């Protein structure tokens, strides 16, 4: 009879031992392919955050392999956070704008005049993120700026491919702008804002609304380390920061492919630059080129990349990378010069840094006023780290 009790224990011990070895192996592999630059403030803390993400991803992959749930679903569940409850300074309400779930944060204190409105689009590579992951950030913006903040819970990839997220953000913004009086907001003082993929969506929405005359022009766009193009993953920042947490170069390509197609086929071609025909790349070279990056951003290990051509088969699957609603950096000058005043945040140790720098130049070349803030010790995702009480970073705050 004792054997009947010993066998399950042995099985559990073997399983746990194998699981621990698998996790340790994954951690070692990912850490050996990552880099914490010396310029990052509190590097040990960033390494801890990175290890937590690795462990979560490995557990999710195991659950997917044994048929319990997909890795994406598990990661969304873990990252989803929990509702924070009441806020003494804010009215918080969940609504739907044109079938799109939104969460509105309104200051309780009376205002002598109409408030500004902030449409906020969360980051997460179009695959992750929700109303909960950016809850603390949206509360902070609403409280500190005394603004009405509308956080948009747009549809996510790979279940909902491009242009689903863009359409949700656009429709929610239009609905809000047509109904600002219901929320005590000045219709001429509405801002679009987003981090990472949310910055991409904010830029795309801003461009779409730039030529509209049926309601007031947007007051401003706030782009927090946005991803704005998918033509060149070999710009200086992609080379220099390819292994810096929290966004690797491969991850950036993976996410935009998931958003576009629902899968990440041809990622090798995207990374090496053989996914867009040379003649098309040359056509956009005036906007997407290392030549437009200030020299001081190239001194840290940048090597010019040789232009590669692509096959018709590969281009067919990614040709919508030339769509400005997906890659706002490629919009025509006629659109860009109509854009509102802009704020762009870039981080030195971020693969997306140069997307922001290139867009800054495009805006300024077209007469758009730009406020640019560069975090010299910043990395991708540093703003949302403020949602954690003990894993936040001074620069993010």
Protein backbone atom coordinates (compact mmCIF):
# COMPACT_ATOMS: atom_id res chain seq x y z
CA UNK A 1 0.00 0.00 0.00
CA UNK A 2 2.89 2.35 0.74
CA UNK A 3 3.90 2.17 -2.92
CA UNK A 4 0.52 3.67 -3.89
CA UNK A 5 1.37 6.76 -1.84
CA UNK A 6 5.02 6.94 -2.90
CA UNK A 7 4.41 6.86 -6.68
CA UNK A 8 2.36 10.11 -6.86
CA UNK A 9 4.91 11.82 -4.64
CA UNK A 10 7.75 10.65 -6.87
CA UNK A 11 5.85 11.73 -9.97
CA UNK A 12 5.21 15.15 -8.47
CA UNK A 13 8.85 15.48 -7.45
CA UNK A 14 10.04 14.57 -10.96
CA UNK A 15 7.56 16.97 -12.52
CA UNK A 16 8.52 19.85 -10.24
CA UNK A 17 12.21 19.11 -10.72
CA UNK A 18 11.83 19.13 -14.47
CA UNK A 19 9.76 22.30 -14.32
CA UNK A 20 12.37 24.07 -12.19
CA UNK A 21 15.19 22.97 -14.52
CA UNK A 22 13.18 24.18 -17.52
CA UNK A 23 12.57 27.57 -15.93
CA UNK A 24 16.21 27.93 -14.88
CA UNK A 25 17.34 26.98 -18.39
CA UNK A 26 14.97 29.53 -19.94
CA UNK A 27 16.15 32.24 -17.55
CA UNK A 28 19.80 31.51 -18.31
CA UNK A 29 19.14 31.51 -22.06
CA UNK A 30 17.26 34.80 -22.07
CA UNK A 31 19.66 36.49 -19.67
CA UNK A 32 22.63 35.46 -21.80
CA UNK A 33 20.94 37.12 -24.79
CA UNK A 34 20.00 40.29 -22.95
CA UNK A 35 21.87 43.37 -21.80
CA UNK A 36 21.34 45.88 -19.02
CA UNK A 37 23.22 48.99 -20.19
CA UNK A 38 25.43 50.70 -17.60
CA UNK A 39 23.48 53.93 -18.09
CA UNK A 40 20.27 52.47 -16.66
CA UNK A 41 19.40 53.63 -13.16
CA UNK A 42 18.77 50.72 -10.74
CA UNK A 43 19.94 47.95 -13.12
CA UNK A 44 19.30 45.19 -10.55
CA UNK A 45 15.64 46.17 -10.35
CA UNK A 46 15.32 46.05 -14.14
CA UNK A 47 16.91 42.60 -14.14
CA UNK A 48 14.38 41.43 -11.53
CA UNK A 49 11.50 42.70 -13.68
CA UNK A 50 12.99 40.92 -16.68
CA UNK A 51 13.34 37.61 -14.80
CA UNK A 52 9.71 37.84 -13.64
CA UNK A 53 8.61 38.30 -17.25
CA UNK A 54 10.72 35.33 -18.38
CA UNK A 55 9.26 33.04 -15.71
CA UNK A 56 5.72 34.13 -16.59
CA UNK A 57 6.32 33.47 -20.29
CA UNK A 58 7.79 30.01 -19.60
CA UNK A 59 4.89 28.99 -17.37
CA UNK A 60 2.49 30.20 -20.05
CA UNK A 61 4.27 28.14 -22.70
CA UNK A 62 4.10 25.04 -20.51
CA UNK A 63 0.38 25.54 -19.95
CA UNK A 64 -0.09 25.94 -23.70
CA UNK A 65 1.88 22.77 -24.47
CA UNK A 66 -0.20 20.66 -22.06
CA UNK A 67 -3.43 22.08 -23.45
CA UNK A 68 -4.68 24.12 -20.49
CA UNK A 69 -4.64 27.58 -22.11
CA UNK A 70 -2.68 29.57 -24.65
CA UNK A 71 0.44 31.42 -23.60
CA UNK A 72 -1.13 34.72 -24.68
CA UNK A 73 -4.22 34.12 -22.50
CA UNK A 74 -2.07 33.26 -19.49
CA UNK A 75 0.14 36.31 -19.91
CA UNK A 76 -2.93 38.53 -20.27
CA UNK A 77 -4.38 37.05 -17.09
CA UNK A 78 -1.17 37.61 -15.11
CA UNK A 79 -0.61 41.13 -16.46
CA UNK A 80 -4.24 42.09 -16.13
CA UNK A 81 -3.89 43.31 -12.59
CA UNK A 82 -6.86 43.99 -10.37
CA UNK A 83 -9.35 46.82 -10.07
CA UNK A 84 -8.18 49.33 -7.48
CA UNK A 85 -11.62 50.29 -6.24
CA UNK A 86 -12.79 53.76 -5.30
CA UNK A 87 -10.64 56.88 -5.64
CA UNK A 88 -11.31 59.75 -3.25
CA UNK A 89 -10.58 62.35 -5.94
CA UNK A 90 -12.15 60.74 -9.01
CA UNK A 91 -15.45 59.50 -10.38
CA UNK A 92 -14.64 56.32 -12.29
CA UNK A 93 -17.13 54.65 -14.61
CA UNK A 94 -17.07 51.90 -17.23
CA UNK A 95 -18.99 52.67 -20.41
CA UNK A 96 -19.06 51.79 -24.09
CA UNK A 97 -18.41 54.25 -26.89
CA UNK A 98 -19.66 52.81 -30.20
CA UNK A 99 -19.45 49.28 -28.70
CA UNK A 100 -15.85 49.95 -27.56
CA UNK A 101 -15.31 49.48 -23.79
CA UNK A 102 -13.92 52.58 -22.11
CA UNK A 103 -13.22 53.68 -18.55
CA UNK A 104 -13.75 57.36 -17.70
CA UNK A 105 -11.92 59.16 -14.91
CA UNK A 106 -13.50 62.49 -13.89
CA UNK A 107 -12.14 64.74 -11.12
CA UNK A 108 -14.64 65.19 -8.28
CA UNK A 109 -13.55 68.73 -7.45
CA UNK A 110 -15.75 71.38 -9.09
CA UNK A 111 -14.23 73.31 -11.99
CA UNK A 112 -14.98 76.92 -12.91
CA UNK A 113 -14.48 76.13 -16.57
CA UNK A 114 -14.65 73.18 -18.92
CA UNK A 115 -11.87 70.65 -18.45
CA UNK A 116 -9.49 69.20 -20.98
CA UNK A 117 -10.17 65.66 -22.20
CA UNK A 118 -7.52 62.97 -22.67
CA UNK A 119 -8.16 59.92 -24.83
CA UNK A 120 -5.69 57.31 -23.58
CA UNK A 121 -4.66 54.24 -25.60
CA UNK A 122 -2.68 51.66 -23.64
CA UNK A 123 0.48 49.91 -24.78
CA UNK A 124 1.19 46.19 -24.95
CA UNK A 125 2.21 45.49 -28.54
CA UNK A 126 -1.44 45.42 -29.69
CA UNK A 127 -1.49 41.94 -28.09
CA UNK A 128 -1.43 42.69 -24.35
CA UNK A 129 -2.70 45.42 -22.07
CA UNK A 130 -6.20 46.44 -21.01
CA UNK A 131 -8.07 48.92 -18.85
CA UNK A 132 -6.54 47.40 -15.71
CA UNK A 133 -2.87 47.41 -16.73
CA UNK A 134 -2.88 51.19 -17.11
CA UNK A 135 -5.35 51.97 -14.34
CA UNK A 136 -2.86 53.66 -12.00
CA UNK A 137 -1.38 55.69 -14.83
CA UNK A 138 -4.77 56.96 -15.99
CA UNK A 139 -5.78 57.83 -12.43
CA UNK A 140 -2.52 59.72 -12.01
CA UNK A 141 -3.05 61.72 -15.22
CA UNK A 142 -6.65 62.56 -14.27
CA UNK A 143 -5.73 63.65 -10.73
CA UNK A 144 -2.54 65.58 -11.46
CA UNK A 145 -3.74 67.38 -14.59
CA UNK A 146 -7.37 67.73 -13.42
CA UNK A 147 -8.47 66.30 -16.76
CA UNK A 148 -11.22 63.93 -17.85
CA UNK A 149 -9.38 60.80 -18.99
CA UNK A 150 -10.98 58.18 -21.22
CA UNK A 151 -9.05 54.90 -21.29
CA UNK A 152 -9.93 52.78 -24.35
CA UNK A 153 -10.13 48.98 -24.16
CA UNK A 154 -9.58 48.31 -27.84
CA UNK A 155 -9.64 44.84 -29.39
CA UNK A 156 -6.37 42.89 -29.27
CA UNK A 157 -4.39 40.78 -31.74
CA UNK A 158 -4.02 38.03 -32.79
CA UNK A 159 -7.78 37.45 -32.37
CA UNK A 160 -8.50 40.87 -33.90
CA UNK A 161 -6.04 41.86 -36.57
CA UNK A 162 -5.28 45.29 -37.99
CA UNK A 163 -7.17 47.60 -38.35
CA UNK A 164 -9.37 46.52 -35.40
CA UNK A 165 -7.39 48.34 -32.67
CA UNK A 166 -7.04 51.48 -34.79
CA UNK A 167 -10.75 51.51 -35.66
CA UNK A 168 -11.76 51.08 -32.01
CA UNK A 169 -9.56 53.98 -30.90
CA UNK A 170 -10.76 56.18 -33.76
CA UNK A 171 -14.45 55.43 -33.16
CA UNK A 172 -14.15 55.96 -29.41
CA UNK A 173 -12.38 59.30 -29.96
CA UNK A 174 -14.99 60.53 -32.45
CA UNK A 175 -17.80 59.54 -30.08
CA UNK A 176 -16.17 61.42 -27.21
CA UNK A 177 -15.50 64.53 -29.31
CA UNK A 178 -19.15 64.62 -30.36
CA UNK A 179 -20.32 64.31 -26.76
CA UNK A 180 -17.80 66.35 -24.76
CA UNK A 181 -20.55 68.45 -23.16
CA UNK A 182 -21.80 65.37 -21.28
CA UNK A 183 -18.46 65.19 -19.45
CA UNK A 184 -17.77 68.88 -18.89
CA UNK A 185 -14.95 68.90 -21.44
CA UNK A 186 -13.96 71.75 -23.72
CA UNK A 187 -14.41 70.38 -27.29
CA UNK A 188 -11.38 72.42 -28.41
CA UNK A 189 -9.17 70.92 -25.71
CA UNK A 190 -9.14 67.18 -26.42
CA UNK A 191 -5.83 65.32 -26.47
CA UNK A 192 -4.93 61.83 -27.74
CA UNK A 193 -2.27 60.02 -25.75
CA UNK A 194 -0.69 56.57 -25.68
CA UNK A 195 2.40 54.58 -24.77
CA UNK A 196 4.22 52.18 -27.12
CA UNK A 197 1.55 50.54 -29.31
CA UNK A 198 -0.85 53.07 -27.79
CA UNK A 199 1.43 55.84 -29.06
CA UNK A 200 1.16 54.29 -32.51
CA UNK A 201 -2.63 54.33 -32.23
CA UNK A 202 -2.67 57.93 -30.96
CA UNK A 203 -0.55 59.05 -33.92
CA UNK A 204 -2.77 57.19 -36.39
CA UNK A 205 -5.97 58.63 -34.90
CA UNK A 206 -4.48 62.12 -34.88
CA UNK A 207 -3.59 61.83 -38.56
CA UNK A 208 -7.06 60.59 -39.49
CA UNK A 209 -8.74 63.46 -37.66
CA UNK A 210 -6.32 66.10 -38.96
CA UNK A 211 -8.33 66.78 -42.10
CA UNK A 212 -11.78 66.52 -40.54
CA UNK A 213 -13.87 69.69 -40.38
CA UNK A 214 -17.02 68.33 -38.72
CA UNK A 215 -15.67 68.87 -35.19
CA UNK A 216 -12.88 70.88 -33.52
CA UNK A 217 -9.26 70.04 -34.19
CA UNK A 218 -7.43 67.96 -31.59
CA UNK A 219 -5.55 70.12 -29.11
CA UNK A 220 -2.46 67.89 -28.99
CA UNK A 221 -1.02 64.40 -29.33
CA UNK A 222 1.16 62.81 -26.65
CA UNK A 223 3.31 59.94 -27.90
CA UNK A 224 5.16 57.97 -25.23
CA UNK A 225 7.97 55.89 -26.81
CA UNK A 226 5.75 55.11 -29.83
CA UNK A 227 6.33 52.49 -32.51
CA UNK A 228 5.69 54.28 -35.81
CA UNK A 229 7.17 52.23 -38.64
CA UNK A 230 7.92 48.65 -39.70
CA UNK A 231 10.12 49.24 -42.74
CA UNK A 232 13.49 49.24 -41.00
CA UNK A 233 14.36 47.21 -37.91
CA UNK A 234 18.05 48.03 -38.34
CA UNK A 235 18.00 51.70 -37.40
CA UNK A 236 20.63 52.66 -34.79
CA UNK A 237 18.32 52.19 -31.80
CA UNK A 238 17.28 48.70 -32.99
CA UNK A 239 20.91 47.66 -33.26
CA UNK A 240 22.10 49.28 -30.04
CA UNK A 241 19.22 48.12 -27.83
CA UNK A 242 18.28 44.81 -29.45
CA UNK A 243 18.75 42.88 -26.20
CA UNK A 244 17.67 45.51 -23.67
CA UNK A 245 14.58 44.69 -21.60
CA UNK A 246 11.70 45.22 -21.63
CA UNK A 247 11.35 45.17 -25.43
CA UNK A 248 13.79 43.19 -27.55
CA UNK A 249 14.21 43.88 -31.26
CA UNK A 250 12.67 40.48 -32.06
CA UNK A 251 9.69 41.28 -29.84
CA UNK A 252 9.03 44.52 -31.71
CA UNK A 253 8.87 42.66 -35.03
CA UNK A 254 6.82 39.84 -33.50
CA UNK A 255 4.17 42.19 -32.13
CA UNK A 256 3.68 44.23 -35.29
CA UNK A 257 3.39 41.03 -37.35
CA UNK A 258 0.83 39.64 -34.90
CA UNK A 259 -1.12 42.87 -35.18
CA UNK A 260 -0.97 42.85 -38.97
CA UNK A 261 -1.52 39.18 -39.79
CA UNK A 262 -2.37 37.34 -36.58
CA UNK A 263 0.85 35.34 -36.94
CA UNK A 264 4.59 36.02 -36.99
CA UNK A 265 5.58 34.32 -40.24
CA UNK A 266 8.47 35.92 -42.15
CA UNK A 267 9.89 37.45 -38.99
CA UNK A 268 13.41 36.65 -40.19
CA UNK A 269 12.85 38.63 -43.38
CA UNK A 270 11.37 41.54 -41.41
CA UNK A 271 14.36 41.66 -39.08
CA UNK A 272 16.94 41.50 -41.85
CA UNK A 273 15.04 44.00 -44.00
CA UNK A 274 14.14 41.71 -46.89
CA UNK A 275 10.36 42.16 -46.52
CA UNK A 276 9.93 45.40 -48.51
CA UNK A 277 11.12 45.91 -52.14
CA UNK A 278 14.15 48.17 -52.51
CA UNK A 279 12.32 50.67 -54.72
CA UNK A 280 9.66 51.19 -52.05
CA UNK A 281 12.26 51.54 -49.30
CA UNK A 282 14.10 54.12 -51.38
CA UNK A 283 10.82 55.98 -51.87
CA UNK A 284 10.42 56.29 -48.09
CA UNK A 285 14.12 56.91 -47.45
CA UNK A 286 13.43 60.63 -47.11
CA UNK A 287 11.49 59.81 -43.93
CA UNK A 288 12.83 56.46 -42.68
CA UNK A 289 16.61 56.60 -42.76
CA UNK A 290 19.56 56.63 -40.36
CA UNK A 291 20.59 59.83 -42.17
CA UNK A 292 17.77 61.61 -40.32
CA UNK A 293 19.00 60.47 -36.89
CA UNK A 294 21.30 62.95 -35.09
CA UNK A 295 24.91 61.73 -35.07
CA UNK A 296 25.09 61.62 -31.27
CA UNK A 297 22.63 58.71 -31.31
CA UNK A 298 24.86 56.64 -33.63
CA UNK A 299 28.06 56.54 -31.60
CA UNK A 300 27.04 53.54 -29.50
CA UNK A 301 27.82 50.63 -31.83
CA UNK A 302 25.83 51.39 -34.98
CA UNK A 303 26.77 49.83 -38.32
CA UNK A 304 25.05 50.88 -41.59
CA UNK A 305 22.79 48.13 -42.93
CA UNK A 306 22.91 46.91 -46.53
CA UNK A 307 19.62 47.25 -48.41
CA UNK A 308 18.12 43.87 -49.27
CA UNK A 309 15.38 43.13 -51.78
CA UNK A 310 12.46 40.80 -51.12
CA UNK A 311 10.32 38.22 -52.85
CA UNK A 312 6.82 38.98 -54.08
CA UNK A 313 5.47 36.27 -51.76
CA UNK A 314 6.89 37.88 -48.62
CA UNK A 315 5.89 41.40 -49.63
CA UNK A 316 2.33 40.27 -50.28
CA UNK A 317 1.98 39.30 -46.62
CA UNK A 318 3.32 42.58 -45.20
CA UNK A 319 2.57 45.21 -47.85
CA UNK A 320 0.18 46.98 -45.46
CA UNK A 321 3.28 48.05 -43.50
CA UNK A 322 3.14 50.96 -45.95
CA UNK A 323 -0.30 51.97 -44.66
CA UNK A 324 0.02 55.15 -42.53
CA UNK A 325 -2.78 53.94 -40.24
CA UNK A 326 -0.42 51.11 -39.28
CA UNK A 327 2.87 52.99 -39.67
CA UNK A 328 2.14 56.72 -39.10
CA UNK A 329 5.70 57.76 -39.96
CA UNK A 330 4.82 57.12 -43.62
CA UNK A 331 1.98 59.66 -43.83
CA UNK A 332 2.21 62.27 -46.57
CA UNK A 333 3.35 65.80 -45.77
CA UNK A 334 -0.13 67.11 -46.59
CA UNK A 335 -1.41 65.21 -43.54
CA UNK A 336 1.56 65.75 -41.24
CA UNK A 337 1.55 69.54 -41.55
CA UNK A 338 -2.07 69.61 -40.26
CA UNK A 339 -1.24 67.74 -37.06
CA UNK A 340 -1.70 69.39 -33.66
CA UNK A 341 0.99 70.40 -31.21
CA UNK A 342 2.87 67.28 -30.15
CA UNK A 343 4.76 65.85 -27.20
CA UNK A 344 7.13 62.94 -27.85
CA UNK A 345 8.91 60.95 -25.17
CA UNK A 346 11.90 58.79 -26.15
CA UNK A 347 14.18 56.58 -24.07
CA UNK A 348 17.87 56.08 -24.80
CA UNK A 349 17.79 52.32 -24.19
CA UNK A 350 14.70 51.56 -26.28
CA UNK A 351 14.56 49.92 -29.71
CA UNK A 352 11.74 52.33 -30.60
CA UNK A 353 13.80 55.42 -29.78
CA UNK A 354 14.55 56.26 -33.41
CA UNK A 355 10.90 55.95 -34.45
CA UNK A 356 10.22 58.86 -32.10
CA UNK A 357 13.25 60.82 -33.32
CA UNK A 358 12.27 60.38 -36.97
CA UNK A 359 8.70 61.48 -36.29
CA UNK A 360 9.93 64.49 -34.33
CA UNK A 361 11.91 65.59 -37.40
CA UNK A 362 8.95 65.01 -39.72
CA UNK A 363 6.66 67.08 -37.53
CA UNK A 364 9.16 69.91 -37.17
CA UNK A 365 9.91 69.90 -40.91
CA UNK A 366 6.18 70.43 -41.47
CA UNK A 367 5.88 73.30 -39.04
CA UNK A 368 4.29 71.37 -36.17
CA UNK A 369 5.35 72.49 -32.71
CA UNK A 370 7.01 69.60 -30.85
CA UNK A 371 8.00 69.24 -27.23
CA UNK A 372 10.55 66.43 -27.02
CA UNK A 373 11.67 64.82 -23.78
CA UNK A 374 14.43 62.23 -23.81
CA UNK A 375 15.10 59.96 -20.84
CA UNK A 376 18.87 59.39 -20.92
CA UNK A 377 18.56 56.44 -18.50
CA UNK A 378 15.15 55.28 -19.77
CA UNK A 379 14.11 51.96 -21.30
CA UNK A 380 10.95 50.76 -22.99
CA UNK A 381 8.02 50.36 -20.61
CA UNK A 382 9.47 52.59 -17.88
CA UNK A 383 6.32 54.72 -17.57
CA UNK A 384 4.01 51.81 -16.83
CA UNK A 385 6.45 50.45 -14.25
CA UNK A 386 5.02 53.17 -12.01
CA UNK A 387 1.98 50.93 -11.61
CA UNK A 388 4.11 48.79 -9.30
CA UNK A 389 4.82 50.07 -5.81
CA UNK A 390 8.22 48.38 -5.49
CA UNK A 391 9.36 47.89 -9.09
CA UNK A 392 9.02 51.48 -10.29
CA UNK A 393 11.91 53.63 -11.51
CA UNK A 394 12.69 57.29 -10.73
CA UNK A 395 12.86 58.28 -14.40
CA UNK A 396 9.43 56.76 -15.03
CA UNK A 397 7.92 58.76 -12.20
